[in-house]
């Protein structure tokens, strides 16, 4: 299956979605969030699957998941599209992100949105990007500083430099990450992907500053969105109410969380994730 992500301005999202539906594309996950929820809370509409199941498409209206603690103007859709690179051939035109935006997006996606659970391939992606294209390093570090991602950038660029020997220019004011942090990050890239959600949850709870913050986070996580509960129950998110399944959902999540503490490798990954959150300053 080919996965395709398309970035379009917000005012064209609905038209793009309707065009794909008219071509026979159907929701990839019937239990996924409704488009209205995705528009206000997420960065892309629910994925669509082609009639022959060969292509999966996500229509993005922003590159990053909304985060009130970050400057949402960095990597804003209009700016990213304005700087895009366009290749034209006899078969048509293809637009893609400029190298500077691509590098920053790769790092934010891997470090801040996925906690490095998406594996070490991102280091190869970074090395290939730096080997084949020219990054505007002054603009890159200015955007990273403005959005609060400088630590994550020097972390992942440090790893890419260690394993692929690619040049990663950094401002003189930024010191290289400690070797212990680099080791923790490298090991987190090898965590079991299927366990990523519960490891992230328990690491966030452990890193939350103070009992009240932990209690608030636990209460928030214990009340799922409707589409998450529908997915657990195997129901369509726009169908009948899934809340009768809430007790079973809660018990299952408590069991999964307890399983992390009983498995040595998962417990180690949880502690590494917690340590990385402290170093990045994302414990909240």
Protein backbone atom coordinates (compact mmCIF):
# COMPACT_ATOMS: atom_id res chain seq x y z
CA UNK A 1 0.00 0.00 0.00
CA UNK A 2 1.23 3.50 -0.83
CA UNK A 3 0.75 6.18 1.83
CA UNK A 4 0.30 9.69 0.46
CA UNK A 5 0.07 12.89 2.53
CA UNK A 6 -1.32 16.02 0.86
CA UNK A 7 -0.99 19.49 2.40
CA UNK A 8 -3.65 21.98 1.29
CA UNK A 9 -4.87 25.36 2.62
CA UNK A 10 -7.70 25.13 5.11
CA UNK A 11 -10.21 26.65 2.71
CA UNK A 12 -9.56 23.85 0.20
CA UNK A 13 -9.67 20.90 2.58
CA UNK A 14 -13.36 20.17 2.11
CA UNK A 15 -13.10 20.30 -1.70
CA UNK A 16 -10.10 17.93 -1.69
CA UNK A 17 -11.91 15.53 0.64
CA UNK A 18 -15.06 15.56 -1.49
CA UNK A 19 -13.02 14.99 -4.66
CA UNK A 20 -11.45 11.83 -3.26
CA UNK A 21 -14.78 10.55 -1.97
CA UNK A 22 -16.23 11.09 -5.45
CA UNK A 23 -13.41 8.91 -6.81
CA UNK A 24 -14.51 6.04 -4.59
CA UNK A 25 -12.16 6.58 -1.65
CA UNK A 26 -13.63 5.45 1.68
CA UNK A 27 -12.63 6.10 5.33
CA UNK A 28 -9.63 3.96 6.23
CA UNK A 29 -10.91 3.58 9.78
CA UNK A 30 -14.70 3.77 10.29
CA UNK A 31 -14.06 4.29 14.01
CA UNK A 32 -11.82 7.28 13.39
CA UNK A 33 -12.69 10.87 14.32
CA UNK A 34 -15.23 12.76 12.28
CA UNK A 35 -13.86 15.41 9.87
CA UNK A 36 -15.18 18.26 12.04
CA UNK A 37 -13.22 17.00 15.05
CA UNK A 38 -10.08 16.46 12.97
CA UNK A 39 -10.23 19.99 11.60
CA UNK A 40 -10.35 21.59 15.04
CA UNK A 41 -8.12 19.23 17.04
CA UNK A 42 -5.79 17.49 14.60
CA UNK A 43 -3.54 18.18 11.64
CA UNK A 44 -5.20 16.02 8.98
CA UNK A 45 -8.60 14.63 8.09
CA UNK A 46 -9.35 10.93 8.67
CA UNK A 47 -7.38 8.80 6.23
CA UNK A 48 -9.03 7.65 3.02
CA UNK A 49 -8.49 4.35 1.23
CA UNK A 50 -8.71 3.84 -2.53
CA UNK A 51 -11.29 1.37 -3.93
CA UNK A 52 -8.61 -1.26 -4.60
CA UNK A 53 -6.94 -0.74 -1.18
CA UNK A 54 -3.70 0.23 -2.95
CA UNK A 55 -3.47 3.88 -1.85
CA UNK A 56 -4.02 5.53 1.52
CA UNK A 57 -4.36 9.32 1.52
CA UNK A 58 -4.27 11.84 4.37
CA UNK A 59 -5.35 15.40 3.60
CA UNK A 60 -3.39 17.70 5.91
CA UNK A 61 -4.43 21.26 6.68
CA UNK A 62 -1.41 21.86 8.94
CA UNK A 63 1.95 20.16 9.45
CA UNK A 64 1.83 19.99 13.24
CA UNK A 65 -0.72 18.92 15.80
CA UNK A 66 -2.00 22.04 17.62
CA UNK A 67 -0.08 22.70 20.83
CA UNK A 68 -0.93 25.76 22.97
CA UNK A 69 2.61 25.78 24.37
CA UNK A 70 4.15 26.33 20.91
CA UNK A 71 4.15 29.20 18.43
CA UNK A 72 1.58 28.01 15.89
CA UNK A 73 2.88 30.47 13.30
CA UNK A 74 6.03 28.41 12.77
CA UNK A 75 5.52 26.06 9.82
CA UNK A 76 2.15 27.66 9.16
CA UNK A 77 0.50 26.10 6.12
CA UNK A 78 0.42 29.26 4.01
CA UNK A 79 4.12 29.93 4.63
CA UNK A 80 5.12 26.34 3.92
CA UNK A 81 3.15 26.28 0.68
CA UNK A 82 4.60 29.63 -0.36
CA UNK A 83 8.14 28.18 -0.03
CA UNK A 84 7.33 24.85 -1.70
CA UNK A 85 9.40 23.51 -4.58
CA UNK A 86 7.58 22.70 -7.80
CA UNK A 87 8.72 20.15 -10.36
CA UNK A 88 6.99 20.22 -13.73
CA UNK A 89 7.17 17.51 -16.38
CA UNK A 90 5.09 16.22 -19.25
CA UNK A 91 2.99 14.23 -16.80
CA UNK A 92 2.09 17.26 -14.67
CA UNK A 93 3.45 19.08 -11.63
CA UNK A 94 4.51 17.85 -8.21
CA UNK A 95 5.09 20.16 -5.24
CA UNK A 96 7.08 19.23 -2.15
CA UNK A 97 8.38 20.95 0.97
CA UNK A 98 11.56 22.98 0.83
CA UNK A 99 14.55 21.25 2.49
CA UNK A 100 14.61 23.60 5.50
CA UNK A 101 10.95 23.01 6.34
CA UNK A 102 11.33 19.29 5.62
CA UNK A 103 14.20 18.91 8.09
CA UNK A 104 12.39 20.77 10.86
CA UNK A 105 9.19 18.81 10.27
CA UNK A 106 11.07 15.47 10.34
CA UNK A 107 12.58 16.31 13.71
CA UNK A 108 9.43 17.68 15.33
CA UNK A 109 7.41 14.70 14.10
CA UNK A 110 9.92 12.17 15.42
CA UNK A 111 10.88 13.78 18.74
CA UNK A 112 7.89 15.79 19.93
CA UNK A 113 4.93 14.05 18.31
CA UNK A 114 6.09 10.42 18.48
CA UNK A 115 8.66 10.35 21.27
CA UNK A 116 11.11 8.59 18.89
CA UNK A 117 8.89 5.50 18.73
CA UNK A 118 8.87 5.70 14.93
CA UNK A 119 12.32 4.12 14.73
CA UNK A 120 15.86 4.98 13.57
CA UNK A 121 14.91 5.35 9.90
CA UNK A 122 14.43 9.08 10.54
CA UNK A 123 18.22 9.35 10.93
CA UNK A 124 18.66 7.92 7.43
CA UNK A 125 16.04 10.35 6.15
CA UNK A 126 17.92 13.26 7.71
CA UNK A 127 21.28 12.07 6.36
CA UNK A 128 19.85 11.66 2.86
CA UNK A 129 18.23 15.10 3.00
CA UNK A 130 21.45 16.80 4.12
CA UNK A 131 23.49 14.91 1.53
CA UNK A 132 21.25 15.83 -1.42
CA UNK A 133 19.89 19.29 -0.63
CA UNK A 134 20.92 22.65 0.82
CA UNK A 135 19.35 23.65 4.13
CA UNK A 136 19.15 27.30 5.12
CA UNK A 137 20.66 26.75 8.54
CA UNK A 138 20.14 30.29 9.82
CA UNK A 139 16.42 30.09 9.02
CA UNK A 140 16.22 26.53 10.35
CA UNK A 141 17.62 27.44 13.77
CA UNK A 142 15.56 30.63 13.92
CA UNK A 143 12.36 28.62 13.39
CA UNK A 144 13.48 25.97 15.87
CA UNK A 145 14.17 28.61 18.52
CA UNK A 146 10.90 30.40 17.86
CA UNK A 147 8.88 27.21 18.20
CA UNK A 148 10.79 25.89 21.23
CA UNK A 149 12.28 22.88 19.42
CA UNK A 150 16.00 23.69 19.61
CA UNK A 151 16.80 20.87 22.05
CA UNK A 152 15.02 18.27 19.95
CA UNK A 153 16.82 19.52 16.86
CA UNK A 154 20.29 19.32 18.35
CA UNK A 155 19.41 15.90 19.75
CA UNK A 156 18.35 14.35 16.46
CA UNK A 157 21.02 16.13 14.42
CA UNK A 158 23.58 14.87 16.94
CA UNK A 159 22.37 11.30 16.45
CA UNK A 160 22.38 11.70 12.67
CA UNK A 161 25.94 13.01 12.86
CA UNK A 162 27.02 10.10 15.07
CA UNK A 163 25.57 7.34 12.90
CA UNK A 164 25.84 8.83 9.40
CA UNK A 165 28.74 11.32 9.67
CA UNK A 166 26.78 14.13 8.02
CA UNK A 167 27.56 17.80 8.75
CA UNK A 168 25.01 19.38 11.08
CA UNK A 169 25.94 23.05 11.65
CA UNK A 170 24.68 24.40 14.97
CA UNK A 171 24.84 27.85 16.58
CA UNK A 172 27.81 28.36 18.86
CA UNK A 173 25.39 29.10 21.69
CA UNK A 174 24.04 25.53 21.61
CA UNK A 175 26.14 22.84 23.26
CA UNK A 176 26.02 19.26 21.95
CA UNK A 177 23.61 17.02 23.86
CA UNK A 178 25.17 14.96 26.66
CA UNK A 179 26.27 11.47 25.61
CA UNK A 180 23.88 9.95 28.15
CA UNK A 181 20.93 11.69 26.50
CA UNK A 182 22.07 10.54 23.05
CA UNK A 183 22.21 6.94 24.32
CA UNK A 184 18.72 7.19 25.83
CA UNK A 185 17.32 8.61 22.58
CA UNK A 186 19.00 5.95 20.46
CA UNK A 187 17.56 3.15 22.61
CA UNK A 188 14.08 4.71 22.52
CA UNK A 189 14.18 4.40 18.73
CA UNK A 190 14.26 0.64 19.21
CA UNK A 191 11.21 0.40 21.48
CA UNK A 192 8.40 -1.95 20.56
CA UNK A 193 6.04 0.06 18.37
CA UNK A 194 2.90 -1.67 19.63
CA UNK A 195 3.65 -0.53 23.19
CA UNK A 196 4.29 3.12 22.35
CA UNK A 197 0.96 4.48 23.64
CA UNK A 198 1.14 3.07 27.14
CA UNK A 199 4.85 3.86 27.45
CA UNK A 200 4.17 7.46 26.45
CA UNK A 201 1.27 7.72 28.91
CA UNK A 202 3.18 6.37 31.90
CA UNK A 203 6.27 8.42 31.03
CA UNK A 204 4.14 11.57 30.87
CA UNK A 205 2.53 10.79 34.22
CA UNK A 206 5.90 10.11 35.79
CA UNK A 207 7.40 13.32 34.42
CA UNK A 208 4.45 15.57 35.31
CA UNK A 209 5.58 18.11 37.95
CA UNK A 210 3.80 17.44 41.22
CA UNK A 211 0.88 15.39 42.44
CA UNK A 212 -1.80 17.78 41.19
CA UNK A 213 -0.38 17.79 37.67
CA UNK A 214 -0.22 13.99 37.69
CA UNK A 215 -3.80 13.75 38.95
CA UNK A 216 -5.05 16.21 36.32
CA UNK A 217 -3.29 14.32 33.54
CA UNK A 218 -4.58 10.95 34.76
CA UNK A 219 -8.15 12.27 34.91
CA UNK A 220 -7.86 13.68 31.39
CA UNK A 221 -6.45 10.45 29.98
CA UNK A 222 -9.11 8.40 31.76
CA UNK A 223 -11.85 10.11 29.74
CA UNK A 224 -11.32 9.21 26.06
CA UNK A 225 -12.64 10.98 22.99
CA UNK A 226 -15.74 9.43 21.46
CA UNK A 227 -13.86 8.09 18.43
CA UNK A 228 -11.25 6.36 20.64
CA UNK A 229 -13.99 4.57 22.55
CA UNK A 230 -15.75 3.70 19.29
CA UNK A 231 -12.53 2.16 17.95
CA UNK A 232 -12.20 0.07 21.11
CA UNK A 233 -15.79 -1.14 20.76
CA UNK A 234 -15.52 -1.74 17.01
CA UNK A 235 -18.24 0.81 16.25
CA UNK A 236 -18.45 3.55 13.64
CA UNK A 237 -17.65 6.88 15.24
CA UNK A 238 -20.83 8.42 13.82
CA UNK A 239 -23.06 5.58 14.92
CA UNK A 240 -24.72 4.68 18.20
CA UNK A 241 -23.20 5.80 21.46
CA UNK A 242 -20.10 3.83 22.50
CA UNK A 243 -20.21 4.95 26.13
CA UNK A 244 -21.69 1.67 27.38
CA UNK A 245 -18.25 0.23 26.61
CA UNK A 246 -16.43 2.75 28.81
CA UNK A 247 -16.02 0.46 31.88
CA UNK A 248 -14.46 -2.27 29.73
CA UNK A 249 -12.21 0.30 28.05
CA UNK A 250 -11.00 1.64 31.39
CA UNK A 251 -10.28 -1.82 32.79
CA UNK A 252 -8.37 -2.77 29.64
CA UNK A 253 -6.23 0.37 29.84
CA UNK A 254 -5.41 -0.22 33.50
CA UNK A 255 -4.35 -3.77 32.66
CA UNK A 256 -2.17 -2.59 29.79
CA UNK A 257 -0.53 0.03 31.99
CA UNK A 258 0.14 -2.56 34.69
CA UNK A 259 1.71 -4.78 32.04
CA UNK A 260 4.38 -2.17 31.36
CA UNK A 261 5.63 -2.44 34.95
CA UNK A 262 5.76 -6.23 34.77
CA UNK A 263 7.79 -6.32 31.53
CA UNK A 264 11.45 -5.39 32.04
CA UNK A 265 12.02 -3.99 28.55
CA UNK A 266 8.87 -1.88 28.57
CA UNK A 267 9.66 -0.58 32.04
CA UNK A 268 13.13 0.42 30.85
CA UNK A 269 11.66 2.20 27.82
CA UNK A 270 9.21 4.04 30.06
CA UNK A 271 12.04 5.32 32.25
CA UNK A 272 14.02 6.37 29.18
CA UNK A 273 11.02 8.23 27.77
CA UNK A 274 10.52 9.94 31.10
CA UNK A 275 14.18 10.99 31.25
CA UNK A 276 13.99 12.38 27.72
CA UNK A 277 10.89 14.40 28.59
CA UNK A 278 12.74 15.98 31.51
CA UNK A 279 15.71 16.86 29.29
CA UNK A 280 13.49 18.31 26.57
CA UNK A 281 11.37 20.21 29.06
CA UNK A 282 8.17 18.60 27.75
CA UNK A 283 7.13 16.93 31.00
CA UNK A 284 3.96 19.00 31.10
